Structure formats: structure tokens, C-alpha cells
Amino acid sequence: MAYVDGFVVPVPRNQLDAYREVSTRAGRIWREHGALGYRECVADDVEPGHLTSFPQSVMLKEDETVVLAYIVYASREQRDEVNAKVMSDPRMADVMNLKNMPFDAKRMFFGGFEVLVDL
């Protein structure tokens, strides 16, 4: 069964084009190293909840939006192999330059997930 890395990030609306550029570069590297899919999705119908929500999870500011992203792999083992290659790829040093990130990486959260249902 497939394996997914997922993450949620707050992105300033005026930085969405820069974020798309960084994400596109990163996604191409992940795909080159074997990821089956790479998706970055910008919030369209996301409201604060009473107890928790996507906006609350990243302490969303008024000028920001939420991005939900995920990378699909064949398995956890393949994910670990792909991520090792990606992280040692010299192109990632430029992509992951925290000084130039178009979002606040401290409010990003992420994790790996086993697929429970795949229809």
C-alpha cells in the first residue's frame, strides 16, 4: 500500500507565486528521485473552527493562506530512499534556503502516513 508525506504551511498571499516557484523546483527533484506524486494545494474553502482547524493549526495571520501538500510513495521504505536522495541532491540546498523561504517554516507541520483507504 502507498505511503504519504503530508504537510501544512502558512503562506503569505503576496508570496504565493514565490512559494509556487520553490514548490515546483522541489517537486521536480522529488519526482526525479522516485516520488509517485507531488501535490501542493492552496486553501479555497477553509474556515477557522470552534476548537481546531487548518487556520488555527498554523496560527494563520490575516494576510496568509493555508497550503496543504503531500508526496506519494510506493511504500515507507521507498519514501526513506527517495528522501535520502532528495536531501543529498545539491539542488536542494538552494531550494531549502531558509533565508529565502516565502513562508514561516516554524509554523509548518508535517508527518508520514500509511494509506488506510485507496479507492
PDB file of N, CA and C in Angstrom:
ATOM      1  N   MET A   1       0.851  -1.176   0.000  1.00  0.00           N
ATOM      2  CA  MET A   1       0.000   0.000   0.000  1.00  0.00           C
ATOM      3  C   MET A   1       0.897   1.240   0.000  1.00  0.00           C
ATOM      4  N   ALA A   2       0.445   2.308  -0.602  1.00  0.00           N
ATOM      5  CA  ALA A   2       1.211   3.543  -0.738  1.00  0.00           C
ATOM      6  C   ALA A   2       1.504   4.187   0.619  1.00  0.00           C
ATOM      7  N   TYR A   3       2.442   5.113   0.589  1.00  0.00           N
ATOM      8  CA  TYR A   3       2.834   5.877   1.763  1.00  0.00           C
ATOM      9  C   TYR A   3       2.834   7.349   1.375  1.00  0.00           C
ATOM     10  N   VAL A   4       2.442   8.223   2.309  1.00  0.00           N
ATOM     11  CA  VAL A   4       2.315   9.647   2.007  1.00  0.00           C
ATOM     12  C   VAL A   4       3.025  10.483   3.062  1.00  0.00           C
ATOM     13  N   ASP A   5       3.816  11.448   2.615  1.00  0.00           N
ATOM     14  CA  ASP A   5       4.306  12.516   3.485  1.00  0.00           C
ATOM     15  C   ASP A   5       3.359  13.686   3.285  1.00  0.00           C
ATOM     16  N   GLY A   6       2.840  14.220   4.381  1.00  0.00           N
ATOM     17  CA  GLY A   6       1.934  15.356   4.279  1.00  0.00           C
ATOM     18  C   GLY A   6       2.442  16.512   5.103  1.00  0.00           C
ATOM     19  N   PHE A   7       2.145  17.723   4.650  1.00  0.00           N
ATOM     20  CA  PHE A   7       2.490  18.883   5.449  1.00  0.00           C
ATOM     21  C   PHE A   7       1.530  20.033   5.192  1.00  0.00           C
ATOM     22  N   VAL A   8       1.455  20.912   6.194  1.00  0.00           N
ATOM     23  CA  VAL A   8       0.586  22.078   6.155  1.00  0.00           C
ATOM     24  C   VAL A   8       1.449  23.287   6.492  1.00  0.00           C
ATOM     25  N   VAL A   9       1.264  24.344   5.711  1.00  0.00           N
ATOM     26  CA  VAL A   9       2.140  25.506   5.818  1.00  0.00           C
ATOM     27  C   VAL A   9       1.330  26.803   5.663  1.00  0.00           C
ATOM     28  N   PRO A  10       1.638  27.833   6.467  1.00  0.00           N
ATOM     29  CA  PRO A  10       1.008  29.137   6.253  1.00  0.00           C
ATOM     30  C   PRO A  10       1.850  29.919   5.241  1.00  0.00           C
ATOM     31  N   VAL A  11       1.202  30.460   4.221  1.00  0.00           N
ATOM     32  CA  VAL A  11       1.929  31.208   3.190  1.00  0.00           C
ATOM     33  C   VAL A  11       1.291  32.584   3.038  1.00  0.00           C
ATOM     34  N   PRO A  12       2.090  33.644   3.131  1.00  0.00           N
ATOM     35  CA  PRO A  12       1.532  34.973   2.865  1.00  0.00           C
ATOM     36  C   PRO A  12       0.954  35.013   1.447  1.00  0.00           C
ATOM     37  N   ARG A  13      -0.237  35.569   1.316  1.00  0.00           N
ATOM     38  CA  ARG A  13      -0.883  35.612  -0.005  1.00  0.00           C
ATOM     39  C   ARG A  13      -0.001  36.300  -1.045  1.00  0.00           C
ATOM     40  N   ASN A  14       0.736  37.330  -0.631  1.00  0.00           N
ATOM     41  CA  ASN A  14       1.575  38.043  -1.590  1.00  0.00           C
ATOM     42  C   ASN A  14       2.861  37.276  -1.925  1.00  0.00           C
ATOM     43  N   GLN A  15       3.031  36.092  -1.322  1.00  0.00           N
ATOM     44  CA  GLN A  15       4.194  35.244  -1.598  1.00  0.00           C
ATOM     45  C   GLN A  15       3.812  33.947  -2.313  1.00  0.00           C
ATOM     46  N   LEU A  16       2.559  33.816  -2.729  1.00  0.00           N
ATOM     47  CA  LEU A  16       2.119  32.566  -3.355  1.00  0.00           C
ATOM     48  C   LEU A  16       2.882  32.252  -4.644  1.00  0.00           C
ATOM     49  N   ASP A  17       3.182  33.259  -5.447  1.00  0.00           N
ATOM     50  CA  ASP A  17       3.948  32.997  -6.667  1.00  0.00           C
ATOM     51  C   ASP A  17       5.351  32.496  -6.341  1.00  0.00           C
ATOM     52  N   ALA A  18       5.996  33.118  -5.358  1.00  0.00           N
ATOM     53  CA  ALA A  18       7.328  32.669  -4.938  1.00  0.00           C
ATOM     54  C   ALA A  18       7.251  31.265  -4.351  1.00  0.00           C
ATOM     55  N   TYR A  19       6.202  31.003  -3.559  1.00  0.00           N
ATOM     56  CA  TYR A  19       6.026  29.666  -2.989  1.00  0.00           C
ATOM     57  C   TYR A  19       5.835  28.634  -4.092  1.00  0.00           C
ATOM     58  N   ARG A  20       5.027  28.964  -5.092  1.00  0.00           N
ATOM     59  CA  ARG A  20       4.795  28.048  -6.209  1.00  0.00           C
ATOM     60  C   ARG A  20       6.118  27.732  -6.917  1.00  0.00           C
ATOM     61  N   GLU A  21       6.956  28.730  -7.087  1.00  0.00           N
ATOM     62  CA  GLU A  21       8.254  28.521  -7.741  1.00  0.00           C
ATOM     63  C   GLU A  21       9.133  27.562  -6.936  1.00  0.00           C
ATOM     64  N   VAL A  22       9.233  27.797  -5.631  1.00  0.00           N
ATOM     65  CA  VAL A  22      10.028  26.918  -4.760  1.00  0.00           C
ATOM     66  C   VAL A  22       9.444  25.508  -4.765  1.00  0.00           C
ATOM     67  N   SER A  23       8.136  25.406  -4.652  1.00  0.00           N
ATOM     68  CA  SER A  23       7.472  24.101  -4.610  1.00  0.00           C
ATOM     69  C   SER A  23       7.637  23.337  -5.920  1.00  0.00           C
ATOM     70  N   THR A  24       7.547  24.041  -7.020  1.00  0.00           N
ATOM     71  CA  THR A  24       7.722  23.391  -8.322  1.00  0.00           C
ATOM     72  C   THR A  24       9.128  22.837  -8.462  1.00  0.00           C
ATOM     73  N   ARG A  25      10.113  23.617  -8.053  1.00  0.00           N
ATOM     74  CA  ARG A  25      11.501  23.141  -8.112  1.00  0.00           C
ATOM     75  C   ARG A  25      11.699  21.927  -7.205  1.00  0.00           C
ATOM     76  N   ALA A  26      11.183  22.007  -5.985  1.00  0.00           N
ATOM     77  CA  ALA A  26      11.319  20.891  -5.048  1.00  0.00           C
ATOM     78  C   ALA A  26      10.575  19.661  -5.567  1.00  0.00           C
ATOM     79  N   GLY A  27       9.362  19.861  -6.050  1.00  0.00           N
ATOM     80  CA  GLY A  27       8.562  18.741  -6.552  1.00  0.00           C
ATOM     81  C   GLY A  27       9.232  18.010  -7.694  1.00  0.00           C
ATOM     82  N   ARG A  28       9.861  18.753  -8.591  1.00  0.00           N
ATOM     83  CA  ARG A  28      10.578  18.112  -9.704  1.00  0.00           C
ATOM     84  C   ARG A  28      11.719  17.235  -9.196  1.00  0.00           C
ATOM     85  N   ILE A  29      12.403  17.720  -8.171  1.00  0.00           N
ATOM     86  CA  ILE A  29      13.506  16.934  -7.595  1.00  0.00           C
ATOM     87  C   ILE A  29      12.952  15.661  -6.952  1.00  0.00           C
ATOM     88  N   TRP A  30      11.871  15.786  -6.184  1.00  0.00           N
ATOM     89  CA  TRP A  30      11.258  14.599  -5.558  1.00  0.00           C
ATOM     90  C   TRP A  30      10.837  13.587  -6.621  1.00  0.00           C
ATOM     91  N   ARG A  31      10.205  14.071  -7.681  1.00  0.00           N
ATOM     92  CA  ARG A  31       9.750  13.167  -8.749  1.00  0.00           C
ATOM     93  C   ARG A  31      10.941  12.506  -9.451  1.00  0.00           C
ATOM     94  N   GLU A  32      11.997  13.264  -9.715  1.00  0.00           N
ATOM     95  CA  GLU A  32      13.191  12.693 -10.357  1.00  0.00           C
ATOM     96  C   GLU A  32      13.782  11.555  -9.536  1.00  0.00           C
ATOM     97  N   HIS A  33      13.660  11.671  -8.211  1.00  0.00           N
ATOM     98  CA  HIS A  33      14.242  10.654  -7.329  1.00  0.00           C
ATOM     99  C   HIS A  33      13.260   9.541  -6.982  1.00  0.00           C
ATOM    100  N   GLY A  34      12.059   9.559  -7.572  1.00  0.00           N
ATOM    101  CA  GLY A  34      11.178   8.406  -7.434  1.00  0.00           C
ATOM    102  C   GLY A  34       9.830   8.610  -6.785  1.00  0.00           C
ATOM    103  N   ALA A  35       9.526   9.805  -6.277  1.00  0.00           N
ATOM    104  CA  ALA A  35       8.189  10.020  -5.707  1.00  0.00           C
ATOM    105  C   ALA A  35       7.149   9.787  -6.797  1.00  0.00           C
ATOM    106  N   LEU A  36       6.050   9.147  -6.445  1.00  0.00           N
ATOM    107  CA  LEU A  36       4.999   8.836  -7.409  1.00  0.00           C
ATOM    108  C   LEU A  36       4.117  10.043  -7.713  1.00  0.00           C
ATOM    109  N   GLY A  37       3.986  10.948  -6.751  1.00  0.00           N
ATOM    110  CA  GLY A  37       3.164  12.135  -6.932  1.00  0.00           C
ATOM    111  C   GLY A  37       3.588  13.220  -5.974  1.00  0.00           C
ATOM    112  N   TYR A  38       3.382  14.454  -6.379  1.00  0.00           N
ATOM    113  CA  TYR A  38       3.735  15.608  -5.558  1.00  0.00           C
ATOM    114  C   TYR A  38       2.649  16.660  -5.772  1.00  0.00           C
ATOM    115  N   ARG A  39       1.933  17.021  -4.715  1.00  0.00           N
ATOM    116  CA  ARG A  39       0.833  17.974  -4.821  1.00  0.00           C
ATOM    117  C   ARG A  39       0.972  19.072  -3.767  1.00  0.00           C
ATOM    118  N   GLU A  40       0.691  20.295  -4.173  1.00  0.00           N
ATOM    119  CA  GLU A  40       0.625  21.444  -3.268  1.00  0.00           C
ATOM    120  C   GLU A  40      -0.733  22.089  -3.521  1.00  0.00           C
ATOM    121  N   CYS A  41      -1.544  22.234  -2.495  1.00  0.00           N
ATOM    122  CA  CYS A  41      -2.921  22.697  -2.639  1.00  0.00           C
ATOM    123  C   CYS A  41      -3.144  23.927  -1.768  1.00  0.00           C
ATOM    124  N   VAL A  42      -3.657  25.001  -2.365  1.00  0.00           N
ATOM    125  CA  VAL A  42      -3.917  26.230  -1.623  1.00  0.00           C
ATOM    126  C   VAL A  42      -5.373  26.220  -1.131  1.00  0.00           C
ATOM    127  N   ALA A  43      -5.567  26.704   0.088  1.00  0.00           N
ATOM    128  CA  ALA A  43      -6.896  26.708   0.707  1.00  0.00           C
ATOM    129  C   ALA A  43      -7.896  27.479  -0.149  1.00  0.00           C
ATOM    130  N   ASP A  44      -9.080  26.910  -0.282  1.00  0.00           N
ATOM    131  CA  ASP A  44     -10.151  27.543  -1.035  1.00  0.00           C
ATOM    132  C   ASP A  44     -11.421  27.636  -0.191  1.00  0.00           C
ATOM    133  N   ASP A  45     -11.690  26.610   0.594  1.00  0.00           N
ATOM    134  CA  ASP A  45     -12.890  26.551   1.421  1.00  0.00           C
ATOM    135  C   ASP A  45     -12.473  26.091   2.805  1.00  0.00           C
ATOM    136  N   VAL A  46     -11.754  26.959   3.519  1.00  0.00           N
ATOM    137  CA  VAL A  46     -11.176  26.617   4.819  1.00  0.00           C
ATOM    138  C   VAL A  46     -11.492  27.741   5.800  1.00  0.00           C
ATOM    139  N   GLU A  47     -12.247  27.421   6.815  1.00  0.00           N
ATOM    140  CA  GLU A  47     -12.639  28.412   7.811  1.00  0.00           C
ATOM    141  C   GLU A  47     -12.106  28.006   9.183  1.00  0.00           C
ATOM    142  N   PRO A  48     -11.855  28.983  10.055  1.00  0.00           N
ATOM    143  CA  PRO A  48     -11.473  28.643  11.433  1.00  0.00           C
ATOM    144  C   PRO A  48     -12.595  27.854  12.104  1.00  0.00           C
ATOM    145  N   GLY A  49     -12.228  26.901  12.919  1.00  0.00           N
ATOM    146  CA  GLY A  49     -13.215  26.102  13.634  1.00  0.00           C
ATOM    147  C   GLY A  49     -13.437  26.616  15.040  1.00  0.00           C
ATOM    148  N   HIS A  50     -14.278  25.902  15.787  1.00  0.00           N
ATOM    149  CA  HIS A  50     -14.513  26.267  17.178  1.00  0.00           C
ATOM    150  C   HIS A  50     -13.368  25.811  18.061  1.00  0.00           C
ATOM    151  N   LEU A  51     -12.839  24.618  17.786  1.00  0.00           N
ATOM    152  CA  LEU A  51     -11.742  24.083  18.596  1.00  0.00           C
ATOM    153  C   LEU A  51     -10.436  24.001  17.828  1.00  0.00           C
ATOM    154  N   THR A  52     -10.522  23.544  16.570  1.00  0.00           N
ATOM    155  CA  THR A  52      -9.314  23.409  15.768  1.00  0.00           C
ATOM    156  C   THR A  52      -9.674  23.478  14.289  1.00  0.00           C
ATOM    157  N   SER A  53      -8.685  23.756  13.463  1.00  0.00           N
ATOM    158  CA  SER A  53      -8.891  23.869  12.028  1.00  0.00           C
ATOM    159  C   SER A  53      -7.534  24.051  11.361  1.00  0.00           C
ATOM    160  N   PHE A  54      -7.524  24.026  10.050  1.00  0.00           N
ATOM    161  CA  PHE A  54      -6.276  24.302   9.339  1.00  0.00           C
ATOM    162  C   PHE A  54      -5.738  25.693   9.691  1.00  0.00           C
ATOM    163  N   PRO A  55      -6.545  26.748   9.642  1.00  0.00           N
ATOM    164  CA  PRO A  55      -6.007  28.058  10.007  1.00  0.00           C
ATOM    165  C   PRO A  55      -5.437  28.100  11.434  1.00  0.00           C
ATOM    166  N   GLN A  56      -6.141  27.499  12.365  1.00  0.00           N
ATOM    167  CA  GLN A  56      -5.663  27.511  13.742  1.00  0.00           C
ATOM    168  C   GLN A  56      -4.410  26.665  13.919  1.00  0.00           C
ATOM    169  N   SER A  57      -4.291  25.614  13.151  1.00  0.00           N
ATOM    170  CA  SER A  57      -3.150  24.706  13.316  1.00  0.00           C
ATOM    171  C   SER A  57      -1.820  25.375  12.997  1.00  0.00           C
ATOM    172  N   VAL A  58      -1.848  26.383  12.121  1.00  0.00           N
ATOM    173  CA  VAL A  58      -0.604  27.075  11.744  1.00  0.00           C
ATOM    174  C   VAL A  58      -0.583  28.513  12.255  1.00  0.00           C
ATOM    175  N   MET A  59      -1.505  28.834  13.175  1.00  0.00           N
ATOM    176  CA  MET A  59      -1.609  30.198  13.714  1.00  0.00           C
ATOM    177  C   MET A  59      -1.659  31.211  12.575  1.00  0.00           C
ATOM    178  N   LEU A  60      -2.593  30.975  11.650  1.00  0.00           N
ATOM    179  CA  LEU A  60      -2.718  31.768  10.432  1.00  0.00           C
ATOM    180  C   LEU A  60      -2.910  33.247  10.738  1.00  0.00           C
ATOM    181  N   LYS A  61      -2.152  34.075  10.029  1.00  0.00           N
ATOM    182  CA  LYS A  61      -2.280  35.526  10.146  1.00  0.00           C
ATOM    183  C   LYS A  61      -3.241  36.024   9.069  1.00  0.00           C
ATOM    184  N   GLU A  62      -3.728  37.250   9.248  1.00  0.00           N
ATOM    185  CA  GLU A  62      -4.753  37.796   8.360  1.00  0.00           C
ATOM    186  C   GLU A  62      -4.335  37.835   6.889  1.00  0.00           C
ATOM    187  N   ASP A  63      -3.066  38.043   6.624  1.00  0.00           N
ATOM    188  CA  ASP A  63      -2.593  38.175   5.239  1.00  0.00           C
ATOM    189  C   ASP A  63      -2.079  36.854   4.658  1.00  0.00           C
ATOM    190  N   GLU A  64      -2.384  35.731   5.310  1.00  0.00           N
ATOM    191  CA  GLU A  64      -1.873  34.431   4.883  1.00  0.00           C
ATOM    192  C   GLU A  64      -2.993  33.506   4.429  1.00  0.00           C
ATOM    193  N   THR A  65      -2.587  32.451   3.759  1.00  0.00           N
ATOM    194  CA  THR A  65      -3.483  31.366   3.408  1.00  0.00           C
ATOM    195  C   THR A  65      -2.796  30.056   3.794  1.00  0.00           C
ATOM    196  N   VAL A  66      -3.543  28.976   3.779  1.00  0.00           N
ATOM    197  CA  VAL A  66      -3.013  27.665   4.156  1.00  0.00           C
ATOM    198  C   VAL A  66      -2.715  26.857   2.897  1.00  0.00           C
ATOM    199  N   VAL A  67      -1.572  26.187   2.911  1.00  0.00           N
ATOM    200  CA  VAL A  67      -1.229  25.246   1.850  1.00  0.00           C
ATOM    201  C   VAL A  67      -1.145  23.860   2.465  1.00  0.00           C
ATOM    202  N   LEU A  68      -1.855  22.928   1.855  1.00  0.00           N
ATOM    203  CA  LEU A  68      -1.806  21.515   2.223  1.00  0.00           C
ATOM    204  C   LEU A  68      -1.043  20.808   1.107  1.00  0.00           C
ATOM    205  N   ALA A  69      -0.023  20.071   1.459  1.00  0.00           N
ATOM    206  CA  ALA A  69       0.793  19.414   0.436  1.00  0.00           C
ATOM    207  C   ALA A  69       1.023  17.962   0.820  1.00  0.00           C
ATOM    208  N   TYR A  70       1.240  17.141  -0.221  1.00  0.00           N
ATOM    209  CA  TYR A  70       1.550  15.747   0.053  1.00  0.00           C
ATOM    210  C   TYR A  70       2.375  15.158  -1.074  1.00  0.00           C
ATOM    211  N   ILE A  71       3.196  14.202  -0.684  1.00  0.00           N
ATOM    212  CA  ILE A  71       4.061  13.478  -1.616  1.00  0.00           C
ATOM    213  C   ILE A  71       3.713  12.003  -1.473  1.00  0.00           C
ATOM    214  N   VAL A  72       3.517  11.322  -2.602  1.00  0.00           N
ATOM    215  CA  VAL A  72       3.096   9.925  -2.589  1.00  0.00           C
ATOM    216  C   VAL A  72       4.259   9.028  -2.989  1.00  0.00           C
ATOM    217  N   TYR A  73       4.390   7.924  -2.266  1.00  0.00           N
ATOM    218  CA  TYR A  73       5.439   6.931  -2.498  1.00  0.00           C
ATOM    219  C   TYR A  73       4.807   5.543  -2.582  1.00  0.00           C
ATOM    220  N   ALA A  74       5.563   4.591  -3.074  1.00  0.00           N
ATOM    221  CA  ALA A  74       5.086   3.212  -3.149  1.00  0.00           C
ATOM    222  C   ALA A  74       5.008   2.579  -1.756  1.00  0.00           C
ATOM    223  N   SER A  75       5.920   2.982  -0.849  1.00  0.00           N
ATOM    224  CA  SER A  75       5.996   2.384   0.484  1.00  0.00           C
ATOM    225  C   SER A  75       6.816   3.291   1.393  1.00  0.00           C
ATOM    226  N   ARG A  76       6.825   2.991   2.669  1.00  0.00           N
ATOM    227  CA  ARG A  76       7.666   3.748   3.605  1.00  0.00           C
ATOM    228  C   ARG A  76       9.139   3.559   3.257  1.00  0.00           C
ATOM    229  N   GLU A  77       9.498   2.349   2.891  1.00  0.00           N
ATOM    230  CA  GLU A  77      10.893   2.079   2.533  1.00  0.00           C
ATOM    231  C   GLU A  77      11.315   2.915   1.328  1.00  0.00           C
ATOM    232  N   GLN A  78      10.429   2.978   0.316  1.00  0.00           N
ATOM    233  CA  GLN A  78      10.750   3.772  -0.863  1.00  0.00           C
ATOM    234  C   GLN A  78      10.810   5.253  -0.497  1.00  0.00           C
ATOM    235  N   ARG A  79       9.926   5.692   0.375  1.00  0.00           N
ATOM    236  CA  ARG A  79       9.958   7.089   0.835  1.00  0.00           C
ATOM    237  C   ARG A  79      11.283   7.422   1.488  1.00  0.00           C
ATOM    238  N   ASP A  80      11.768   6.523   2.360  1.00  0.00           N
ATOM    239  CA  ASP A  80      13.039   6.768   3.028  1.00  0.00           C
ATOM    240  C   ASP A  80      14.183   6.843   2.023  1.00  0.00           C
ATOM    241  N   GLU A  81      14.161   5.981   1.022  1.00  0.00           N
ATOM    242  CA  GLU A  81      15.188   6.003  -0.030  1.00  0.00           C
ATOM    243  C   GLU A  81      15.121   7.290  -0.840  1.00  0.00           C
ATOM    244  N   VAL A  82      13.914   7.669  -1.256  1.00  0.00           N
ATOM    245  CA  VAL A  82      13.730   8.893  -2.049  1.00  0.00           C
ATOM    246  C   VAL A  82      14.166  10.112  -1.246  1.00  0.00           C
ATOM    247  N   ASN A  83      13.720  10.208   0.003  1.00  0.00           N
ATOM    248  CA  ASN A  83      14.076  11.370   0.816  1.00  0.00           C
ATOM    249  C   ASN A  83      15.581  11.475   1.046  1.00  0.00           C
ATOM    250  N   ALA A  84      16.260  10.351   1.212  1.00  0.00           N
ATOM    251  CA  ALA A  84      17.718  10.380   1.363  1.00  0.00           C
ATOM    252  C   ALA A  84      18.371  10.955   0.104  1.00  0.00           C
ATOM    253  N   LYS A  85      17.889  10.533  -1.061  1.00  0.00           N
ATOM    254  CA  LYS A  85      18.429  11.061  -2.324  1.00  0.00           C
ATOM    255  C   LYS A  85      18.120  12.545  -2.479  1.00  0.00           C
ATOM    256  N   VAL A  86      16.890  12.925  -2.156  1.00  0.00           N
ATOM    257  CA  VAL A  86      16.485  14.332  -2.285  1.00  0.00           C
ATOM    258  C   VAL A  86      17.342  15.206  -1.373  1.00  0.00           C
ATOM    259  N   MET A  87      17.499  14.796  -0.135  1.00  0.00           N
ATOM    260  CA  MET A  87      18.236  15.619   0.818  1.00  0.00           C
ATOM    261  C   MET A  87      19.729  15.716   0.497  1.00  0.00           C
ATOM    262  N   SER A  88      20.256  14.756  -0.253  1.00  0.00           N
ATOM    263  CA  SER A  88      21.668  14.840  -0.646  1.00  0.00           C
ATOM    264  C   SER A  88      21.840  15.459  -2.036  1.00  0.00           C
ATOM    265  N   ASP A  89      20.747  15.797  -2.696  1.00  0.00           N
ATOM    266  CA  ASP A  89      20.811  16.433  -4.017  1.00  0.00           C
ATOM    267  C   ASP A  89      21.280  17.877  -3.834  1.00  0.00           C
ATOM    268  N   PRO A  90      22.356  18.272  -4.495  1.00  0.00           N
ATOM    269  CA  PRO A  90      22.881  19.629  -4.304  1.00  0.00           C
ATOM    270  C   PRO A  90      21.888  20.742  -4.679  1.00  0.00           C
ATOM    271  N   ARG A  91      20.939  20.455  -5.544  1.00  0.00           N
ATOM    272  CA  ARG A  91      19.936  21.470  -5.911  1.00  0.00           C
ATOM    273  C   ARG A  91      19.031  21.835  -4.740  1.00  0.00           C
ATOM    274  N   MET A  92      18.885  20.919  -3.784  1.00  0.00           N
ATOM    275  CA  MET A  92      18.001  21.187  -2.650  1.00  0.00           C
ATOM    276  C   MET A  92      18.570  22.254  -1.717  1.00  0.00           C
ATOM    277  N   ALA A  93      19.881  22.441  -1.689  1.00  0.00           N
ATOM    278  CA  ALA A  93      20.471  23.480  -0.833  1.00  0.00           C
ATOM    279  C   ALA A  93      19.907  24.841  -1.202  1.00  0.00           C
ATOM    280  N   ASP A  94      19.737  25.078  -2.497  1.00  0.00           N
ATOM    281  CA  ASP A  94      19.173  26.346  -2.949  1.00  0.00           C
ATOM    282  C   ASP A  94      17.680  26.410  -2.668  1.00  0.00           C
ATOM    283  N   VAL A  95      16.983  25.314  -2.929  1.00  0.00           N
ATOM    284  CA  VAL A  95      15.535  25.275  -2.722  1.00  0.00           C
ATOM    285  C   VAL A  95      15.194  25.461  -1.250  1.00  0.00           C
ATOM    286  N   MET A  96      15.955  24.831  -0.370  1.00  0.00           N
ATOM    287  CA  MET A  96      15.638  24.829   1.057  1.00  0.00           C
ATOM    288  C   MET A  96      16.337  25.936   1.840  1.00  0.00           C
ATOM    289  N   ASN A  97      16.838  26.946   1.168  1.00  0.00           N
ATOM    290  CA  ASN A  97      17.494  28.063   1.837  1.00  0.00           C
ATOM    291  C   ASN A  97      16.476  28.795   2.714  1.00  0.00           C
ATOM    292  N   LEU A  98      16.555  28.590   4.022  1.00  0.00           N
ATOM    293  CA  LEU A  98      15.551  29.130   4.937  1.00  0.00           C
ATOM    294  C   LEU A  98      15.495  30.649   4.934  1.00  0.00           C
ATOM    295  N   LYS A  99      16.587  31.313   4.559  1.00  0.00           N
ATOM    296  CA  LYS A  99      16.579  32.776   4.496  1.00  0.00           C
ATOM    297  C   LYS A  99      15.652  33.274   3.392  1.00  0.00           C
ATOM    298  N   ASN A 100      15.481  32.461   2.344  1.00  0.00           N
ATOM    299  CA  ASN A 100      14.682  32.876   1.198  1.00  0.00           C
ATOM    300  C   ASN A 100      13.324  32.190   1.131  1.00  0.00           C
ATOM    301  N   MET A 101      12.939  31.468   2.169  1.00  0.00           N
ATOM    302  CA  MET A 101      11.659  30.770   2.158  1.00  0.00           C
ATOM    303  C   MET A 101      10.506  31.776   2.151  1.00  0.00           C
ATOM    304  N   PRO A 102       9.526  31.580   1.276  1.00  0.00           N
ATOM    305  CA  PRO A 102       8.397  32.504   1.214  1.00  0.00           C
ATOM    306  C   PRO A 102       7.290  32.159   2.218  1.00  0.00           C
ATOM    307  N   PHE A 103       7.659  31.582   3.354  1.00  0.00           N
ATOM    308  CA  PHE A 103       6.697  31.258   4.409  1.00  0.00           C
ATOM    309  C   PHE A 103       7.457  31.079   5.708  1.00  0.00           C
ATOM    310  N   ASP A 104       6.730  31.021   6.809  1.00  0.00           N
ATOM    311  CA  ASP A 104       7.327  30.836   8.129  1.00  0.00           C
ATOM    312  C   ASP A 104       7.431  29.341   8.425  1.00  0.00           C
ATOM    313  N   ALA A 105       8.609  28.783   8.218  1.00  0.00           N
ATOM    314  CA  ALA A 105       8.820  27.339   8.377  1.00  0.00           C
ATOM    315  C   ALA A 105       8.603  26.873   9.819  1.00  0.00           C
ATOM    316  N   LYS A 106       8.684  27.770  10.783  1.00  0.00           N
ATOM    317  CA  LYS A 106       8.477  27.380  12.181  1.00  0.00           C
ATOM    318  C   LYS A 106       7.028  26.992  12.460  1.00  0.00           C
ATOM    319  N   ARG A 107       6.095  27.456  11.618  1.00  0.00           N
ATOM    320  CA  ARG A 107       4.683  27.130  11.820  1.00  0.00           C
ATOM    321  C   ARG A 107       4.207  26.017  10.894  1.00  0.00           C
ATOM    322  N   MET A 108       5.112  25.436  10.164  1.00  0.00           N
ATOM    323  CA  MET A 108       4.805  24.302   9.290  1.00  0.00           C
ATOM    324  C   MET A 108       4.730  23.034  10.132  1.00  0.00           C
ATOM    325  N   PHE A 109       3.836  22.128   9.784  1.00  0.00           N
ATOM    326  CA  PHE A 109       3.873  20.810  10.426  1.00  0.00           C
ATOM    327  C   PHE A 109       3.736  19.739   9.371  1.00  0.00           C
ATOM    328  N   PHE A 110       4.261  18.557   9.694  1.00  0.00           N
ATOM    329  CA  PHE A 110       4.364  17.504   8.680  1.00  0.00           C
ATOM    330  C   PHE A 110       4.465  16.145   9.342  1.00  0.00           C
ATOM    331  N   GLY A 111       4.295  15.107   8.542  1.00  0.00           N
ATOM    332  CA  GLY A 111       4.450  13.745   9.040  1.00  0.00           C
ATOM    333  C   GLY A 111       4.249  12.743   7.927  1.00  0.00           C
ATOM    334  N   GLY A 112       4.606  11.495   8.225  1.00  0.00           N
ATOM    335  CA  GLY A 112       4.443  10.396   7.284  1.00  0.00           C
ATOM    336  C   GLY A 112       3.229   9.564   7.658  1.00  0.00           C
ATOM    337  N   PHE A 113       2.516   9.082   6.630  1.00  0.00           N
ATOM    338  CA  PHE A 113       1.260   8.381   6.858  1.00  0.00           C
ATOM    339  C   PHE A 113       1.156   7.124   6.003  1.00  0.00           C
ATOM    340  N   GLU A 114       0.722   6.040   6.616  1.00  0.00           N
ATOM    341  CA  GLU A 114       0.363   4.855   5.867  1.00  0.00           C
ATOM    342  C   GLU A 114      -1.029   5.077   5.282  1.00  0.00           C
ATOM    343  N   VAL A 115      -1.217   4.684   4.046  1.00  0.00           N
ATOM    344  CA  VAL A 115      -2.534   4.840   3.419  1.00  0.00           C
ATOM    345  C   VAL A 115      -3.479   3.803   4.013  1.00  0.00           C
ATOM    346  N   LEU A 116      -4.620   4.263   4.466  1.00  0.00           N
ATOM    347  CA  LEU A 116      -5.615   3.382   5.074  1.00  0.00           C
ATOM    348  C   LEU A 116      -6.646   2.916   4.048  1.00  0.00           C
ATOM    349  N   VAL A 117      -7.061   3.836   3.180  1.00  0.00           N
ATOM    350  CA  VAL A 117      -8.039   3.518   2.131  1.00  0.00           C
ATOM    351  C   VAL A 117      -7.520   4.110   0.830  1.00  0.00           C
ATOM    352  N   ASP A 118      -7.552   3.323  -0.224  1.00  0.00           N
ATOM    353  CA  ASP A 118      -7.100   3.782  -1.540  1.00  0.00           C
ATOM    354  C   ASP A 118      -8.073   3.242  -2.567  1.00  0.00           C
ATOM    355  N   LEU A 119      -9.020   4.067  -3.005  1.00  0.00           N
ATOM    356  CA  LEU A 119     -10.057   3.628  -3.937  1.00  0.00           C
ATOM    357  C   LEU A 119      -9.747   4.067  -5.346  1.00  0.00           C
TER     358      LEU A 119
END
